């Protein structure tokens, strides 16, 4: 998936916004976008970033219900 960086975006912020998590995906995004680290932590406005696919949950994974303190 290709996304474009907004003003003040970081790679982990892009992963979290578009993929919903950063666990292990920031490293994969760094591998997909050779040289992106040369920009520093804040990406320039309009930088096109290739994001990895989110791995599917395994068959034996336990899904726990969301607990909210206030409904």
N, C-alpha and C. Protein backbone atom coordinates (compact mmCIF):
# COMPACT_ATOMS: atom_id res chain seq x y z
N UNK A 1 0.85 -1.16 0.00
CA UNK A 1 0.00 0.00 0.00
C UNK A 1 0.90 1.24 0.00
N UNK A 2 0.64 2.15 -0.90
CA UNK A 2 1.40 3.40 -0.96
C UNK A 2 0.59 4.51 -0.29
N UNK A 3 1.27 5.24 0.59
CA UNK A 3 0.64 6.38 1.26
C UNK A 3 1.57 7.58 1.14
N UNK A 4 1.02 8.76 1.38
CA UNK A 4 1.80 9.98 1.29
C UNK A 4 1.87 10.61 2.68
N UNK A 5 3.08 11.05 3.06
CA UNK A 5 3.28 11.64 4.37
C UNK A 5 2.68 13.04 4.43
N UNK A 6 2.02 13.33 5.54
CA UNK A 6 1.51 14.65 5.81
C UNK A 6 2.56 15.43 6.60
N UNK A 7 2.31 16.69 6.85
CA UNK A 7 3.26 17.51 7.58
C UNK A 7 3.46 16.95 8.99
N UNK A 8 4.72 16.73 9.38
CA UNK A 8 5.05 16.26 10.71
C UNK A 8 4.93 14.76 10.90
N UNK A 9 4.68 14.01 9.85
CA UNK A 9 4.52 12.56 9.96
C UNK A 9 5.86 11.86 10.20
N UNK A 10 5.79 10.80 10.97
CA UNK A 10 6.91 9.88 11.13
C UNK A 10 6.49 8.54 10.54
N UNK A 11 7.46 7.65 10.35
CA UNK A 11 7.13 6.35 9.76
C UNK A 11 6.22 5.54 10.69
N UNK A 12 6.48 5.59 11.99
CA UNK A 12 5.61 4.84 12.89
C UNK A 12 4.20 5.44 12.97
N UNK A 13 4.07 6.76 12.81
CA UNK A 13 2.74 7.37 12.78
C UNK A 13 1.97 6.93 11.54
N UNK A 14 2.64 6.82 10.40
CA UNK A 14 2.00 6.34 9.19
C UNK A 14 1.53 4.90 9.35
N UNK A 15 2.39 4.06 9.93
CA UNK A 15 2.01 2.65 10.16
C UNK A 15 0.80 2.57 11.08
N UNK A 16 0.81 3.34 12.14
CA UNK A 16 -0.30 3.28 13.09
C UNK A 16 -1.59 3.80 12.46
N UNK A 17 -1.51 4.89 11.70
CA UNK A 17 -2.71 5.47 11.10
C UNK A 17 -3.33 4.57 10.04
N UNK A 18 -2.50 3.97 9.19
CA UNK A 18 -3.03 3.21 8.06
C UNK A 18 -3.16 1.71 8.32
N UNK A 19 -2.34 1.17 9.22
CA UNK A 19 -2.36 -0.27 9.46
C UNK A 19 -2.94 -0.64 10.82
N UNK A 20 -3.06 0.35 11.72
CA UNK A 20 -3.65 0.09 13.02
C UNK A 20 -2.70 -0.40 14.09
N UNK A 21 -1.44 -0.65 13.74
CA UNK A 21 -0.45 -1.11 14.69
C UNK A 21 0.94 -0.78 14.16
N UNK A 22 1.91 -0.83 15.07
CA UNK A 22 3.30 -0.62 14.65
C UNK A 22 4.16 -1.84 14.94
N UNK A 23 3.59 -2.82 15.61
CA UNK A 23 4.34 -4.00 16.06
C UNK A 23 4.97 -4.75 14.89
N UNK A 24 6.26 -4.58 14.72
CA UNK A 24 7.00 -5.28 13.67
C UNK A 24 6.84 -4.70 12.28
N UNK A 25 5.92 -3.74 12.11
CA UNK A 25 5.64 -3.21 10.78
C UNK A 25 6.55 -2.05 10.41
N UNK A 26 7.04 -1.31 11.40
CA UNK A 26 7.95 -0.19 11.11
C UNK A 26 9.24 -0.73 10.51
N UNK A 27 9.73 -1.83 11.05
CA UNK A 27 10.96 -2.43 10.53
C UNK A 27 10.76 -2.92 9.10
N UNK A 28 9.60 -3.51 8.82
CA UNK A 28 9.30 -3.97 7.46
C UNK A 28 9.16 -2.78 6.51
N UNK A 29 8.58 -1.69 6.99
CA UNK A 29 8.44 -0.49 6.16
C UNK A 29 9.81 0.12 5.86
N UNK A 30 10.71 0.08 6.82
CA UNK A 30 12.08 0.56 6.57
C UNK A 30 12.77 -0.28 5.50
N UNK A 31 12.54 -1.58 5.54
CA UNK A 31 13.14 -2.47 4.54
C UNK A 31 12.54 -2.23 3.15
N UNK A 32 11.26 -1.90 3.08
CA UNK A 32 10.60 -1.66 1.80
C UNK A 32 10.99 -0.32 1.17
N UNK A 33 11.38 0.63 2.00
CA UNK A 33 11.66 1.99 1.53
C UNK A 33 13.14 2.31 1.77
N UNK A 34 13.97 1.78 0.89
CA UNK A 34 15.41 1.96 1.03
C UNK A 34 15.76 3.45 1.02
N UNK A 35 16.53 3.89 2.00
CA UNK A 35 17.00 5.26 2.07
C UNK A 35 16.05 6.24 2.73
N UNK A 36 14.89 5.77 3.19
CA UNK A 36 13.94 6.69 3.81
C UNK A 36 14.47 7.24 5.13
N UNK A 37 15.35 6.50 5.78
CA UNK A 37 15.90 6.97 7.05
C UNK A 37 16.82 8.18 6.87
N UNK A 38 17.25 8.45 5.65
CA UNK A 38 18.10 9.62 5.39
C UNK A 38 17.34 10.93 5.59
N UNK A 39 16.00 10.87 5.59
CA UNK A 39 15.19 12.06 5.82
C UNK A 39 15.16 12.45 7.29
N UNK A 40 15.54 11.55 8.18
CA UNK A 40 15.44 11.80 9.61
C UNK A 40 14.12 11.29 10.15
N UNK A 41 13.83 11.59 11.42
CA UNK A 41 12.61 11.04 12.03
C UNK A 41 11.32 11.64 11.45
N UNK A 42 11.34 12.91 11.07
CA UNK A 42 10.16 13.56 10.50
C UNK A 42 10.28 13.51 8.98
N UNK A 43 9.30 12.90 8.32
CA UNK A 43 9.34 12.78 6.87
C UNK A 43 8.90 14.09 6.21
N UNK A 44 9.52 14.46 5.10
CA UNK A 44 9.09 15.65 4.39
C UNK A 44 7.66 15.50 3.86
N UNK A 45 6.95 16.60 3.79
CA UNK A 45 5.59 16.62 3.29
C UNK A 45 5.54 16.05 1.88
N UNK A 46 4.64 15.10 1.64
CA UNK A 46 4.47 14.52 0.32
C UNK A 46 5.35 13.33 0.02
N UNK A 47 6.15 12.87 0.98
CA UNK A 47 6.98 11.69 0.76
C UNK A 47 6.09 10.47 0.56
N UNK A 48 6.31 9.75 -0.53
CA UNK A 48 5.53 8.53 -0.81
C UNK A 48 6.21 7.37 -0.09
N UNK A 49 5.42 6.64 0.69
CA UNK A 49 5.94 5.54 1.50
C UNK A 49 5.17 4.28 1.16
N UNK A 50 5.90 3.20 0.93
CA UNK A 50 5.31 1.88 0.70
C UNK A 50 5.18 1.18 2.05
N UNK A 51 3.95 0.84 2.44
CA UNK A 51 3.72 0.16 3.71
C UNK A 51 3.52 -1.34 3.47
N UNK A 52 3.98 -2.17 4.42
CA UNK A 52 3.82 -3.62 4.26
C UNK A 52 2.38 -4.04 4.50
N UNK A 53 2.06 -5.25 4.09
CA UNK A 53 0.75 -5.82 4.35
C UNK A 53 0.70 -6.29 5.81
N UNK A 54 -0.45 -6.14 6.43
CA UNK A 54 -0.63 -6.60 7.81
C UNK A 54 -0.79 -8.11 7.78
N UNK A 55 0.02 -8.83 8.56
CA UNK A 55 -0.12 -10.29 8.56
C UNK A 55 -1.47 -10.72 9.14
N UNK A 56 -2.03 -11.76 8.55
CA UNK A 56 -3.31 -12.30 9.04
C UNK A 56 -3.08 -12.99 10.38
N UNK A 57 -4.04 -12.90 11.29
CA UNK A 57 -3.89 -13.59 12.57
C UNK A 57 -3.83 -15.09 12.36
N UNK A 58 -3.06 -15.76 13.19
CA UNK A 58 -2.92 -17.21 13.06
C UNK A 58 -4.22 -17.89 13.48
N UNK A 59 -4.38 -19.13 13.04
CA UNK A 59 -5.61 -19.90 13.30
C UNK A 59 -5.85 -20.09 14.79
N UNK A 60 -4.81 -20.34 15.55
CA UNK A 60 -4.96 -20.62 16.98
C UNK A 60 -4.93 -19.38 17.86
N UNK A 61 -4.94 -18.19 17.27
CA UNK A 61 -4.87 -16.96 18.06
C UNK A 61 -6.16 -16.77 18.85
N UNK A 62 -6.00 -16.33 20.09
CA UNK A 62 -7.13 -16.07 20.96
C UNK A 62 -7.50 -14.60 20.82
N UNK A 63 -8.75 -14.34 20.50
CA UNK A 63 -9.23 -12.97 20.39
C UNK A 63 -9.99 -12.65 21.67
N UNK A 64 -9.50 -11.64 22.39
CA UNK A 64 -10.14 -11.26 23.63
C UNK A 64 -11.08 -10.09 23.39
N UNK A 65 -12.22 -10.07 24.07
CA UNK A 65 -13.15 -8.96 23.88
C UNK A 65 -12.57 -7.67 24.44
N UNK A 66 -12.94 -6.56 23.84
CA UNK A 66 -12.50 -5.25 24.29
C UNK A 66 -13.21 -4.89 25.57
N UNK A 67 -12.43 -4.45 26.57
CA UNK A 67 -13.00 -4.04 27.84
C UNK A 67 -12.91 -2.52 27.92
N UNK A 68 -14.07 -1.86 28.14
CA UNK A 68 -14.10 -0.42 28.28
C UNK A 68 -14.60 -0.08 29.68
N UNK A 69 -13.98 0.90 30.30
CA UNK A 69 -14.37 1.26 31.65
C UNK A 69 -15.72 1.95 31.69
N UNK A 70 -15.98 2.78 30.67
CA UNK A 70 -17.26 3.49 30.61
C UNK A 70 -17.92 3.20 29.28
N UNK A 71 -19.17 2.83 29.31
CA UNK A 71 -19.92 2.56 28.07
C UNK A 71 -20.90 3.66 27.80
